Protein backbone atom coordinates (compact mmCIF):
# COMPACT_ATOMS: atom_id res chain seq x y z
CA MET A 1 -131.39 -114.87 -1.12
CA SER A 2 -133.72 -111.91 -1.76
CA ASP A 3 -131.00 -109.84 -3.49
CA SER A 4 -130.06 -112.83 -5.57
CA TRP A 5 -133.65 -113.44 -6.66
CA SER A 6 -134.13 -109.73 -7.41
CA ASN A 7 -131.00 -109.60 -9.56
CA SER A 8 -132.04 -112.73 -11.39
CA ALA A 9 -135.60 -111.40 -12.08
CA SER A 10 -134.13 -108.06 -13.20
CA ARG A 11 -131.81 -109.82 -15.67
CA THR A 12 -134.59 -112.05 -16.97
CA PHE A 13 -136.88 -108.96 -17.48
CA ARG A 14 -134.12 -107.17 -19.37
CA GLU A 15 -133.53 -110.21 -21.56
CA MET A 16 -137.21 -110.43 -22.36
CA ALA A 17 -137.38 -106.69 -23.16
CA ALA A 18 -134.35 -106.80 -25.42
CA ALA A 19 -135.85 -109.74 -27.34
CA SER A 20 -139.23 -108.00 -27.68
CA MET A 21 -137.62 -104.85 -29.05
CA ALA A 22 -135.53 -106.76 -31.65
CA MET A 23 -138.13 -109.22 -32.79
CA CYS A 24 -140.96 -106.70 -32.98
CA SER A 25 -138.96 -104.09 -35.00
CA VAL A 26 -137.89 -106.65 -37.58
CA SER A 27 -141.28 -108.26 -37.79
CA VAL A 28 -142.93 -104.99 -38.68
CA ALA A 29 -140.37 -104.29 -41.37
CA LEU A 30 -140.79 -107.76 -42.97
CA ASN A 31 -144.54 -108.10 -42.68
CA PRO A 32 -145.04 -108.15 -46.50
CA PHE A 33 -143.19 -111.45 -46.78
CA ASP A 34 -145.37 -112.94 -44.00
CA VAL A 35 -148.46 -111.76 -45.88
CA LEU A 36 -147.28 -113.47 -49.08
CA LYS A 37 -146.53 -116.67 -47.28
CA VAL A 38 -149.92 -116.88 -45.57
CA LYS A 39 -151.85 -115.91 -48.78
CA MET A 40 -150.14 -118.61 -50.79
CA GLN A 41 -150.71 -121.27 -48.07
CA THR A 42 -154.40 -120.45 -47.63
CA GLN A 43 -155.38 -119.66 -51.22
CA HIS A 44 -157.21 -122.97 -51.72
CA GLN A 45 -159.42 -122.32 -48.71
CA SER A 46 -160.13 -118.71 -49.65
CA LEU A 47 -160.94 -119.58 -53.25
CA ASN A 48 -163.23 -122.47 -52.27
CA VAL A 49 -165.21 -120.24 -49.92
CA THR A 50 -165.55 -117.60 -52.59
CA LEU A 51 -166.82 -120.25 -55.11
CA GLN A 52 -169.24 -121.52 -52.55
CA GLN A 53 -170.61 -118.04 -51.94
CA MET A 54 -171.04 -117.68 -55.76
CA GLY A 55 -172.91 -120.95 -55.94
CA GLY A 56 -169.95 -123.06 -57.18
CA THR A 57 -168.84 -126.40 -55.83
CA GLY A 58 -165.09 -125.94 -55.45
CA GLY A 59 -164.34 -129.50 -56.54
CA THR A 60 -165.28 -132.89 -55.10
CA SER A 61 -162.11 -133.24 -53.10
CA GLY A 62 -162.49 -129.89 -51.34
CA VAL A 63 -159.42 -128.51 -53.17
CA SER A 64 -159.77 -126.08 -56.05
CA SER A 65 -157.95 -126.87 -59.28
CA MET A 66 -157.48 -123.15 -59.98
CA PRO A 67 -155.18 -121.64 -57.39
CA LYS A 68 -155.15 -117.87 -57.39
CA TYR A 69 -151.38 -117.50 -57.30
CA SER A 70 -149.07 -119.71 -59.41
CA GLY A 71 -145.94 -118.60 -57.63
CA PHE A 72 -144.20 -116.04 -55.47
CA ILE A 73 -143.69 -113.43 -58.22
CA ASP A 74 -147.21 -113.96 -59.52
CA ALA A 75 -148.59 -113.37 -55.98
CA VAL A 76 -146.67 -110.12 -55.66
CA ARG A 77 -147.96 -108.90 -59.04
CA LYS A 78 -151.57 -109.81 -58.51
CA ILE A 79 -151.84 -108.56 -54.96
CA SER A 80 -150.21 -105.25 -55.85
CA ALA A 81 -152.53 -104.80 -58.88
CA GLU A 82 -155.74 -105.82 -57.16
CA GLU A 83 -155.31 -104.44 -53.62
CA GLY A 84 -152.40 -102.03 -53.85
CA THR A 85 -148.93 -102.47 -52.40
CA VAL A 86 -149.62 -100.89 -49.04
CA ARG A 87 -153.16 -102.24 -48.46
CA GLY A 88 -152.41 -105.64 -49.95
CA LEU A 89 -148.84 -106.41 -48.77
CA VAL A 90 -147.78 -104.03 -45.99
CA ALA A 91 -150.87 -103.37 -43.85
CA PRO A 92 -152.61 -106.78 -43.47
CA GLY A 93 -152.16 -108.00 -39.91
CA LEU A 94 -149.46 -105.42 -39.15
CA TYR A 95 -150.69 -104.41 -35.67
CA ALA A 96 -151.38 -108.05 -34.76
CA SER A 97 -147.95 -109.07 -36.05
CA ALA A 98 -146.24 -106.38 -33.95
CA LEU A 99 -148.20 -107.42 -30.78
CA ARG A 100 -147.47 -111.08 -31.52
CA ASP A 101 -143.74 -110.58 -31.63
CA VAL A 102 -143.69 -108.39 -28.48
CA LEU A 103 -145.16 -111.34 -26.60
CA ASN A 104 -143.62 -114.15 -28.66
CA GLY A 105 -140.16 -112.63 -28.69
CA ALA A 106 -140.13 -112.03 -24.97
CA PHE A 107 -141.08 -115.60 -24.07
CA ARG A 108 -139.51 -117.53 -27.00
CA ILE A 109 -136.10 -115.84 -27.15
CA GLY A 110 -135.84 -113.63 -24.10
CA LEU A 111 -136.83 -116.35 -21.61
CA TYR A 112 -134.47 -118.93 -23.16
CA PRO A 113 -131.30 -118.15 -21.11
CA THR A 114 -133.23 -118.44 -17.83
CA VAL A 115 -134.99 -121.67 -18.88
CA LYS A 116 -131.67 -123.12 -20.03
CA GLN A 117 -130.23 -122.47 -16.58
CA MET A 118 -133.21 -124.14 -14.98
CA VAL A 119 -132.93 -127.19 -17.26
CA HIS A 120 -129.20 -127.31 -16.54
CA ARG A 121 -129.75 -127.25 -12.79
CA GLY A 122 -132.54 -129.83 -12.99
CA TRP A 123 -130.22 -132.20 -15.01
CA GLN A 124 -127.53 -131.78 -12.41
CA GLN A 125 -129.94 -132.61 -9.56
CA THR A 126 -131.35 -135.62 -11.46
CA THR A 127 -128.01 -137.15 -12.42
CA GLY A 128 -126.06 -135.99 -9.36
CA GLY A 129 -123.19 -134.93 -11.57
CA GLU A 130 -121.83 -132.09 -13.66
CA ALA A 131 -123.69 -131.19 -16.80
CA THR A 132 -122.53 -129.00 -19.66
CA ASP A 133 -124.67 -126.84 -21.99
CA GLY A 134 -124.89 -129.71 -24.40
CA LEU A 135 -127.19 -130.28 -27.34
CA GLY A 136 -129.94 -132.00 -25.26
CA ILE A 137 -130.15 -129.16 -22.73
CA ARG A 138 -130.26 -126.47 -25.44
CA ILE A 139 -132.95 -128.32 -27.50
CA THR A 140 -135.05 -128.97 -24.38
CA ALA A 141 -134.90 -125.31 -23.21
CA SER A 142 -135.60 -123.87 -26.73
CA LEU A 143 -138.51 -126.30 -27.27
CA LEU A 144 -140.03 -125.18 -23.94
CA THR A 145 -139.70 -121.44 -24.58
CA GLY A 146 -140.82 -121.85 -28.16
CA CYS A 147 -143.99 -123.64 -27.21
CA LEU A 148 -144.69 -121.19 -24.30
CA GLY A 149 -144.23 -118.19 -26.54
CA ALA A 150 -146.65 -119.60 -29.15
CA ALA A 151 -149.24 -120.38 -26.56
CA VAL A 152 -149.13 -116.93 -25.03
CA ALA A 153 -149.25 -115.18 -28.41
CA ASN A 154 -151.74 -117.51 -30.11
CA PRO A 155 -154.73 -115.09 -30.16
CA THR A 156 -152.58 -112.47 -31.92
CA ASP A 157 -151.37 -115.13 -34.36
CA ILE A 158 -154.95 -116.11 -35.17
CA VAL A 159 -155.85 -112.53 -35.96
CA LYS A 160 -152.70 -111.99 -37.97
CA VAL A 161 -153.34 -115.07 -40.14
CA ARG A 162 -157.00 -114.24 -40.69
CA LEU A 163 -156.28 -110.63 -41.72
CA GLN A 164 -153.45 -111.62 -44.01
CA ALA A 165 -155.36 -114.39 -45.67
CA GLN A 166 -158.24 -112.10 -46.87
CA ILE A 167 -158.19 -111.84 -50.63
CA ALA A 168 -161.18 -109.62 -51.42
CA SER A 169 -160.03 -106.51 -53.32
CA ALA A 170 -162.46 -104.06 -51.75
CA PRO A 171 -162.10 -103.30 -47.98
CA SER A 172 -165.88 -103.44 -47.55
CA ASP A 173 -165.76 -107.12 -48.71
CA HIS A 174 -163.20 -108.17 -46.15
CA GLN A 175 -164.42 -110.46 -43.41
CA TYR A 176 -162.60 -108.25 -40.85
CA THR A 177 -162.06 -104.50 -41.30
CA SER A 178 -159.70 -103.97 -38.43
CA THR A 179 -157.50 -105.71 -35.92
CA ARG A 180 -159.81 -104.82 -33.08
CA GLU A 181 -162.86 -106.13 -34.88
CA ALA A 182 -161.07 -109.39 -35.64
CA PHE A 183 -160.17 -109.92 -32.01
CA THR A 184 -163.67 -109.23 -30.78
CA ARG A 185 -165.64 -111.06 -33.51
CA ILE A 186 -163.45 -114.21 -33.30
CA LEU A 187 -163.98 -114.35 -29.53
CA ARG A 188 -167.71 -113.67 -29.79
CA GLU A 189 -168.52 -115.89 -32.72
CA GLU A 190 -166.10 -118.78 -32.23
CA GLY A 191 -165.32 -118.69 -28.51
CA LEU A 192 -162.12 -118.67 -26.52
CA ILE A 193 -160.87 -122.21 -27.25
CA ASP A 194 -162.22 -122.68 -30.77
CA GLY A 195 -161.53 -119.09 -31.71
CA TRP A 196 -158.58 -117.37 -29.99
CA TYR A 197 -156.78 -120.65 -29.18
CA ARG A 198 -157.60 -122.56 -32.32
CA GLY A 199 -154.48 -124.14 -33.76
CA THR A 200 -152.50 -123.80 -30.59
CA LEU A 201 -150.99 -127.27 -30.98
CA PRO A 202 -149.57 -126.85 -34.47
CA SER A 203 -148.56 -123.29 -33.66
CA ALA A 204 -146.70 -124.47 -30.54
CA LEU A 205 -145.10 -127.34 -32.43
CA ARG A 206 -143.94 -124.98 -35.15
CA ALA A 207 -142.61 -122.47 -32.66
CA GLY A 208 -140.79 -125.22 -30.75
CA VAL A 209 -139.14 -126.44 -33.98
CA VAL A 210 -138.29 -122.95 -35.22
CA THR A 211 -136.94 -121.81 -31.86
CA SER A 212 -134.91 -124.96 -31.41
CA ALA A 213 -133.40 -124.74 -34.94
CA GLN A 214 -132.96 -120.98 -34.65
CA ILE A 215 -131.26 -120.86 -31.29
CA VAL A 216 -129.26 -124.08 -31.31
CA SER A 217 -127.86 -123.50 -34.80
CA TYR A 218 -127.01 -119.87 -33.90
CA GLU A 219 -125.26 -120.84 -30.67
CA TYR A 220 -123.32 -123.72 -32.15
CA SER A 221 -122.29 -121.85 -35.26
CA LYS A 222 -121.03 -118.97 -33.12
CA GLU A 223 -118.97 -121.37 -30.98
CA LEU A 224 -117.46 -123.01 -34.08
CA LEU A 225 -116.71 -119.79 -35.93
CA ARG A 226 -115.96 -117.32 -33.14
CA ASP A 227 -112.21 -117.90 -32.96
CA GLY A 228 -111.71 -118.36 -36.70
CA PRO A 229 -109.52 -115.89 -38.60
CA LEU A 230 -112.44 -114.44 -40.55
CA PHE A 231 -114.58 -113.76 -37.48
CA ARG A 232 -112.20 -113.03 -34.66
CA ALA A 233 -113.09 -109.81 -32.90
CA ALA A 234 -110.47 -107.03 -32.43
CA GLU A 235 -111.09 -106.87 -28.68
CA SER A 236 -111.02 -109.83 -26.30
CA GLY A 237 -114.47 -110.82 -25.10
CA LYS A 238 -116.19 -109.11 -27.99
CA GLU A 239 -117.88 -110.64 -31.03
CA SER A 240 -117.66 -109.30 -34.56
CA THR A 241 -120.61 -108.22 -36.62
CA GLN A 242 -119.51 -110.56 -39.45
CA LEU A 243 -119.87 -113.47 -36.97
CA HIS A 244 -123.41 -112.45 -36.09
CA ILE A 245 -124.45 -112.04 -39.72
CA THR A 246 -123.00 -115.38 -40.83
CA CYS A 247 -124.58 -117.26 -37.92
CA SER A 248 -127.89 -115.52 -38.58
CA VAL A 249 -127.96 -116.84 -42.13
CA ILE A 250 -127.27 -120.40 -40.90
CA SER A 251 -130.00 -119.96 -38.25
CA GLY A 252 -132.62 -118.75 -40.78
CA LEU A 253 -131.97 -121.56 -43.28
CA SER A 254 -132.14 -124.26 -40.60
CA ALA A 255 -135.41 -122.90 -39.18
CA ALA A 256 -137.09 -122.49 -42.61
CA VAL A 257 -136.34 -125.99 -43.76
CA LEU A 258 -137.52 -127.67 -40.54
CA SER A 259 -140.60 -125.51 -40.01
CA SER A 260 -142.23 -125.27 -43.46
CA PRO A 261 -144.44 -128.43 -43.18
CA ILE A 262 -145.63 -127.52 -39.69
CA ASP A 263 -146.13 -123.91 -40.79
CA MET A 264 -148.36 -125.05 -43.66
CA VAL A 265 -150.55 -127.09 -41.33
CA LYS A 266 -150.74 -124.25 -38.73
CA SER A 267 -151.80 -121.76 -41.37
CA ARG A 268 -154.46 -124.00 -42.80
CA ILE A 269 -155.99 -124.81 -39.40
CA MET A 270 -155.90 -121.28 -38.16
CA ASN A 271 -157.63 -120.01 -41.35
CA ASP A 272 -160.25 -122.79 -41.18
CA THR A 273 -163.51 -120.92 -40.40
CA ALA A 274 -167.12 -121.98 -40.23
CA ALA A 275 -167.59 -121.02 -43.90
CA SER A 276 -164.97 -123.60 -44.89
CA THR A 277 -167.08 -126.50 -43.62
CA ALA A 278 -169.71 -125.74 -46.32
CA VAL A 279 -167.28 -126.92 -49.00
CA ASN A 280 -165.90 -129.93 -47.11
CA TYR A 281 -162.60 -128.25 -46.29
CA HIS A 282 -162.72 -128.47 -42.52
CA TYR A 283 -159.74 -129.97 -40.73
CA SER A 284 -160.44 -132.13 -37.71
CA GLY A 285 -156.99 -131.62 -36.22
CA VAL A 286 -153.26 -131.58 -36.89
CA ILE A 287 -153.02 -135.17 -38.18
CA GLY A 288 -156.20 -134.81 -40.26
CA CYS A 289 -154.93 -131.61 -41.85
CA PHE A 290 -151.52 -133.18 -42.61
CA VAL A 291 -153.14 -136.25 -44.18
CA LYS A 292 -155.68 -134.19 -46.23
CA ILE A 293 -152.99 -131.92 -47.67
CA CYS A 294 -150.78 -134.89 -48.66
CA ARG A 295 -153.77 -136.86 -50.12
CA TYR A 296 -155.34 -134.11 -52.22
CA GLU A 297 -152.39 -131.84 -53.00
CA GLY A 298 -149.32 -134.02 -52.67
CA ALA A 299 -146.47 -134.08 -50.14
CA THR A 300 -144.71 -131.28 -51.85
CA ALA A 301 -147.68 -129.01 -50.92
CA LEU A 302 -146.31 -129.06 -47.38
CA PHE A 303 -143.51 -126.83 -48.66
CA ARG A 304 -145.75 -124.49 -50.55
CA GLY A 305 -144.77 -120.93 -49.60
CA PHE A 306 -141.27 -122.10 -48.63
CA LEU A 307 -139.68 -119.25 -50.49
CA GLY A 308 -141.94 -116.79 -48.75
CA ASN A 309 -141.23 -118.53 -45.46
CA TYR A 310 -137.49 -118.31 -45.90
CA LEU A 311 -137.70 -114.72 -47.28
CA ARG A 312 -139.38 -113.91 -43.97
CA LEU A 313 -137.35 -116.10 -41.57
CA GLY A 314 -134.00 -115.55 -43.38
CA PRO A 315 -134.04 -111.78 -43.46
CA HIS A 316 -135.87 -111.72 -40.05
CA PHE A 317 -133.00 -113.63 -38.40
CA LEU A 318 -130.42 -111.78 -40.42
CA LEU A 319 -131.65 -108.52 -38.94
CA SER A 320 -132.99 -109.68 -35.58
CA TRP A 321 -129.99 -111.56 -34.22
CA PRO A 322 -127.50 -108.70 -34.73
CA LEU A 323 -130.15 -106.27 -33.47
CA LEU A 324 -130.74 -108.50 -30.44
CA GLU A 325 -127.03 -108.61 -29.73
CA GLN A 326 -126.89 -104.80 -29.70
CA CYS A 327 -130.02 -104.50 -27.56
CA ARG A 328 -128.52 -106.93 -25.01
CA LEU A 329 -125.29 -104.94 -24.91
CA MET A 330 -127.24 -101.65 -24.38
CA MET A 331 -129.03 -103.35 -21.43
CA GLY A 332 -125.71 -104.58 -19.95
CA LEU A 333 -126.44 -108.30 -20.63
CA GLY A 334 -123.53 -109.20 -22.84
CA HIS A 335 -123.70 -111.28 -25.98
CA PHE A 336 -126.39 -114.00 -26.41
């Protein structure tokens, strides 16, 4: 029993380590897309706070009629011109993003095989019969690990969003000048629950949806395409790189479509600071935020930043899934 538990724990640790390595590496490389997505999603809040500080009103509905960025390309052009490519697109929230995916990747992706086995055994004990790795078991396991990963990494996500949402051109005008300062000031000024763990619910919901769409679509597409003539590996028991790339594209598209509305709500709530309340742009919760966005900005606003979201998730999955497969092979774990 002791040897069996030790082997199981060792395998779980290696699975979590492989996921952390893959997710963190890709997240750092694609951080500019994440910066663009967050800045476009929070530009109304940031502009309203700026107008309030200048003595303006920001509009009666709490939503500015003059968004800073009209689109994805416009955002890239303005951020590069005003803040510089490195300081404006590459650097914001980079350290927090890396730390986030070390934790988030380990629990969200690395822990999934272990949790799926636990759900599988629990289902067998409950029903008293055999259970296959069907859709229900996979969705349940991925939702659990997605929510857990988001909860564990929420403080890093808060810091990442706050740092990426800053729009002041001069570093001295930024609310936070470093990742360390952001962590300490948010905890000191806003507290543990209202600060570090603000937005945990929408973050967990988004992570659950993204993880479920990501993993289930990847697993099922691999099973459907693995033995096809275009994706059959040369060696028995192996999987081709073409298979991993194709399934990664499917996984990224599925996750981006399902997560965009939740991602919008999560970013708005996480970026909602005390200064926002002065211009009547404070969200009371997930439902209140959702209703307010739809009422004042229209339902299509829930998909604002979708291109940036997909340009992060799509390439992220396109790189991270094949990299994860290789990390797992290096650690003697076999394919996902």
